[in-house]
Amino acid sequence: MNTWVLLRELPELIEGAKGDGVRRVAATLQRNYSDSVDILVLTSEAEVIMHQPEMALPYRNRTQAYSMLLRRSLEVFGGKRRLNSEANPICLGRKWKEVSNTLRASGTDTPDYTLVEIDTTPFEYDGILHVKIRVGAGEAAGTFELFDADTDLTTDGSPGEALTGAWDVPPGGIGHILHGFQRGDCFLLRATSLDSKAGSTNSNLADIYVTQEGEYT
């Protein structure tokens, strides 16, 4: 069954307005929400088979890419493909880099931060960056923002200049950043903690995935 639901309708559905079956589905949708338009395939028991943010589909041949995602989902349902226990978005991407950092809250208006350079020059085509960030079990929450590489972050590092980001990811949580790039673009990924408790720390692990134009398998 193919359907759609608005994010603002989920709380009412989770309360059971349309029955227990719909409640389970709505709770799963809310738990896995990561982008303004998400595509999810669920089993009849509301288990996630596939999760793909719409904006992460390639710019061209989107119908072909969407059809492939549905075929992969049927293979999982039929036992021909393993179910990804983390319901990882970006089924089309391939892992490019893994970066680990430590978050440290300073308790001031200018918190400590770490920067990671992301250079897309090695890629032959334009594409989509997907940064999946896992925050550790420590005290500090994490805020992660993507900037153009020429942004001056030595002054106030204005959040208004960020291209996109994942803000206030709680301890033990996962954040997602999705951004389109052109070959040769360079970015800075800034990791900070805005926790008011000075000295609180946490670890984080960022997996960077890339989907290029023309890559559908």
Protein backbone atom coordinates (compact mmCIF):
# COMPACT_ATOMS: atom_id res chain seq x y z
CA MET A 1 0.00 0.00 0.00
CA ASN A 2 1.38 3.40 -1.00
CA THR A 3 0.50 6.41 1.14
CA TRP A 4 1.88 9.68 2.47
CA VAL A 5 1.58 11.51 5.77
CA LEU A 6 2.46 14.99 7.00
CA LEU A 7 4.88 15.31 9.90
CA ARG A 8 2.46 17.53 11.83
CA GLU A 9 -0.14 14.73 11.74
CA LEU A 10 2.07 12.15 13.45
CA PRO A 11 1.36 13.10 17.10
CA GLU A 12 -2.39 12.62 16.64
CA LEU A 13 -1.87 9.31 14.84
CA ILE A 14 0.55 8.10 17.52
CA GLU A 15 -2.14 8.77 20.13
CA GLY A 16 -4.28 6.18 18.34
CA ALA A 17 -6.71 8.37 16.42
CA LYS A 18 -6.82 5.89 13.52
CA GLY A 19 -6.24 2.63 15.36
CA ASP A 20 -3.36 0.59 16.71
CA GLY A 21 -1.92 -0.41 13.32
CA VAL A 22 -1.69 3.19 12.17
CA ARG A 23 -0.26 4.15 15.58
CA ARG A 24 2.65 1.73 15.11
CA VAL A 25 3.36 3.04 11.62
CA ALA A 26 3.20 6.68 12.75
CA ALA A 27 5.57 6.00 15.67
CA THR A 28 8.07 4.38 13.26
CA LEU A 29 7.87 7.32 10.87
CA GLN A 30 8.52 9.82 13.67
CA ARG A 31 11.43 7.77 15.03
CA ASN A 32 13.15 7.57 11.62
CA TYR A 33 12.43 11.09 10.36
CA SER A 34 15.61 12.77 9.07
CA ASP A 35 14.69 15.08 6.19
CA SER A 36 11.81 17.23 4.91
CA VAL A 37 10.66 14.50 2.50
CA ASP A 38 11.48 10.93 3.51
CA ILE A 39 10.71 7.72 1.64
CA LEU A 40 10.22 4.68 3.87
CA VAL A 41 9.16 1.11 3.13
CA LEU A 42 7.76 -0.78 6.13
CA THR A 43 6.64 -4.32 6.80
CA SER A 44 3.09 -4.97 8.03
CA GLU A 45 4.57 -4.89 11.55
CA ALA A 46 5.99 -1.37 10.96
CA GLU A 47 9.60 -2.56 10.71
CA VAL A 48 11.74 -0.37 8.44
CA ILE A 49 12.97 -2.14 5.30
CA MET A 50 14.26 0.92 3.47
CA HIS A 51 14.69 4.60 4.38
CA GLN A 52 15.75 7.14 1.79
CA PRO A 53 15.54 10.94 2.03
CA GLU A 54 14.01 12.16 -1.23
CA MET A 55 16.67 14.83 -1.76
CA ALA A 56 19.35 12.13 -1.76
CA LEU A 57 17.99 10.60 -4.95
CA PRO A 58 20.13 11.49 -7.99
CA TYR A 59 19.11 14.61 -9.89
CA ARG A 60 18.63 12.69 -13.13
CA ASN A 61 16.71 9.46 -13.75
CA ARG A 62 14.94 9.77 -10.40
CA THR A 63 12.24 7.36 -11.54
CA GLN A 64 14.84 4.70 -12.25
CA ALA A 65 16.49 5.24 -8.87
CA TYR A 66 13.16 5.11 -7.02
CA SER A 67 12.21 1.92 -8.85
CA MET A 68 15.51 0.35 -7.82
CA LEU A 69 14.88 1.21 -4.16
CA LEU A 70 11.50 -0.50 -4.30
CA ARG A 71 13.02 -3.58 -5.92
CA ARG A 72 15.68 -3.74 -3.19
CA SER A 73 12.95 -3.47 -0.57
CA LEU A 74 11.07 -6.41 -2.12
CA GLU A 75 14.29 -8.44 -2.04
CA VAL A 76 14.61 -7.75 1.70
CA PHE A 77 10.98 -8.68 2.27
CA GLY A 78 11.46 -11.87 0.28
CA GLY A 79 14.60 -12.84 2.20
CA LYS A 80 16.97 -12.30 -0.74
CA ARG A 81 18.72 -9.33 0.87
CA ARG A 82 19.63 -8.62 4.52
CA LEU A 83 17.65 -6.03 6.42
CA ASN A 84 19.88 -3.17 7.56
CA SER A 85 19.29 -3.10 11.30
CA GLU A 86 20.09 0.64 11.45
CA ALA A 87 17.69 1.52 8.61
CA ASN A 88 20.50 3.59 7.16
CA PRO A 89 19.34 6.37 4.83
CA ILE A 90 21.15 6.79 1.55
CA CYS A 91 20.80 3.32 0.12
CA LEU A 92 22.44 4.57 -3.08
CA GLY A 93 25.60 5.99 -1.53
CA ARG A 94 28.98 4.43 -0.87
CA LYS A 95 31.06 5.13 2.20
CA TRP A 96 33.97 7.47 1.49
CA LYS A 97 35.45 8.56 4.82
CA GLU A 98 35.15 8.00 8.54
CA VAL A 99 36.14 10.73 10.99
CA SER A 100 36.10 10.58 14.79
CA ASN A 101 36.27 13.60 17.10
CA THR A 102 35.73 14.69 20.69
CA LEU A 103 33.12 17.29 21.64
CA ARG A 104 33.89 19.60 24.53
CA ALA A 105 31.45 22.18 25.92
CA SER A 106 33.02 25.46 27.01
CA GLY A 107 29.92 26.96 28.59
CA THR A 108 30.49 30.23 26.68
CA ASP A 109 29.03 31.89 23.59
CA THR A 110 32.06 30.72 21.58
CA PRO A 111 32.32 26.98 22.24
CA ASP A 112 35.28 24.85 21.28
CA TYR A 113 34.99 23.22 17.89
CA THR A 114 36.78 20.88 15.52
CA LEU A 115 36.87 21.18 11.74
CA VAL A 116 36.99 18.49 9.07
CA GLU A 117 37.84 19.39 5.46
CA ILE A 118 35.76 17.71 2.76
CA ASP A 119 37.20 18.02 -0.76
CA THR A 120 35.07 16.57 -3.59
CA THR A 121 37.77 17.11 -6.24
CA PRO A 122 38.50 13.34 -6.50
CA PHE A 123 34.98 12.65 -7.79
CA GLU A 124 34.31 12.67 -11.52
CA TYR A 125 30.68 13.79 -11.31
CA ASP A 126 28.45 16.05 -9.22
CA GLY A 127 26.63 14.31 -6.40
CA ILE A 128 25.23 14.21 -2.88
CA LEU A 129 27.17 14.23 0.38
CA HIS A 130 25.57 12.36 3.24
CA VAL A 131 27.22 12.78 6.65
CA LYS A 132 25.88 10.37 9.25
CA ILE A 133 26.99 11.39 12.74
CA ARG A 134 26.78 9.15 15.78
CA VAL A 135 27.16 10.91 19.14
CA GLY A 136 28.61 8.86 22.01
CA ALA A 137 27.14 8.08 25.40
CA GLY A 138 28.92 10.94 27.20
CA GLU A 139 27.32 14.07 28.67
CA ALA A 140 27.50 16.59 25.80
CA ALA A 141 25.07 16.90 22.91
CA GLY A 142 26.55 17.75 19.51
CA THR A 143 25.89 20.33 16.82
CA PHE A 144 27.33 19.69 13.34
CA GLU A 145 27.30 22.26 10.52
CA LEU A 146 28.51 22.24 6.93
CA PHE A 147 30.13 25.40 5.50
CA ASP A 148 31.73 26.41 2.22
CA ALA A 149 35.48 25.99 2.60
CA ASP A 150 36.10 29.72 2.16
CA THR A 151 33.84 30.68 5.11
CA ASP A 152 35.77 32.58 7.79
CA LEU A 153 35.20 30.59 10.97
CA THR A 154 38.02 32.24 12.90
CA THR A 155 35.71 35.05 14.07
CA ASP A 156 32.21 34.26 15.29
CA GLY A 157 31.52 31.42 12.87
CA SER A 158 27.98 32.64 12.37
CA PRO A 159 25.53 29.68 12.21
CA GLY A 160 23.58 31.73 9.66
CA GLU A 161 26.36 31.05 7.17
CA ALA A 162 26.02 27.27 7.46
CA LEU A 163 24.80 25.48 4.34
CA THR A 164 23.01 22.87 6.43
CA GLY A 165 23.54 20.95 9.63
CA ALA A 166 22.38 18.57 12.34
CA TRP A 167 21.74 20.51 15.52
CA ASP A 168 21.56 19.40 19.16
CA VAL A 169 22.05 15.69 18.49
CA PRO A 170 21.65 14.12 21.95
CA PRO A 171 24.04 11.63 23.58
CA GLY A 172 23.52 8.26 21.93
CA GLY A 173 21.70 9.92 19.01
CA ILE A 174 22.30 9.97 15.26
CA GLY A 175 22.21 13.07 13.05
CA HIS A 176 22.16 13.31 9.26
CA ILE A 177 23.46 16.03 6.92
CA LEU A 178 22.56 15.88 3.22
CA HIS A 179 23.97 18.35 0.70
CA GLY A 180 24.43 18.43 -3.06
CA PHE A 181 27.91 19.17 -4.41
CA GLN A 182 29.58 19.95 -7.72
CA ARG A 183 32.89 18.40 -8.59
CA GLY A 184 35.63 20.54 -7.08
CA ASP A 185 33.52 21.91 -4.22
CA CYS A 186 35.22 22.01 -0.84
CA PHE A 187 33.51 22.17 2.54
CA LEU A 188 34.22 22.43 6.24
CA LEU A 189 32.33 20.26 8.71
CA ARG A 190 32.28 21.90 12.12
CA ALA A 191 31.54 19.87 15.25
CA THR A 192 30.67 21.77 18.43
CA SER A 193 28.83 21.30 21.70
CA LEU A 194 26.45 24.02 22.81
CA ASP A 195 25.89 22.30 26.15
CA SER A 196 25.73 24.87 28.96
CA LYS A 197 27.62 22.58 31.32
CA ALA A 198 31.23 23.67 30.89
CA GLY A 199 33.71 20.81 30.63
CA SER A 200 31.17 18.18 29.54
CA THR A 201 32.53 16.03 26.73
CA ASN A 202 31.48 13.35 24.31
CA SER A 203 32.78 11.42 21.33
CA ASN A 204 31.35 11.46 17.83
CA LEU A 205 31.88 9.42 14.69
CA ALA A 206 31.04 10.88 11.26
CA ASP A 207 30.60 8.52 8.31
CA ILE A 208 30.70 10.40 4.99
CA TYR A 209 28.85 8.80 2.07
CA VAL A 210 28.81 9.94 -1.56
CA THR A 211 26.24 9.39 -4.30
CA GLN A 212 27.40 10.52 -7.75
CA GLU A 213 25.27 11.21 -10.79
CA GLY A 214 24.81 8.02 -12.77
CA GLU A 215 25.48 5.68 -9.81
CA TYR A 216 22.40 3.60 -9.11
CA THR A 217 23.85 0.29 -7.93
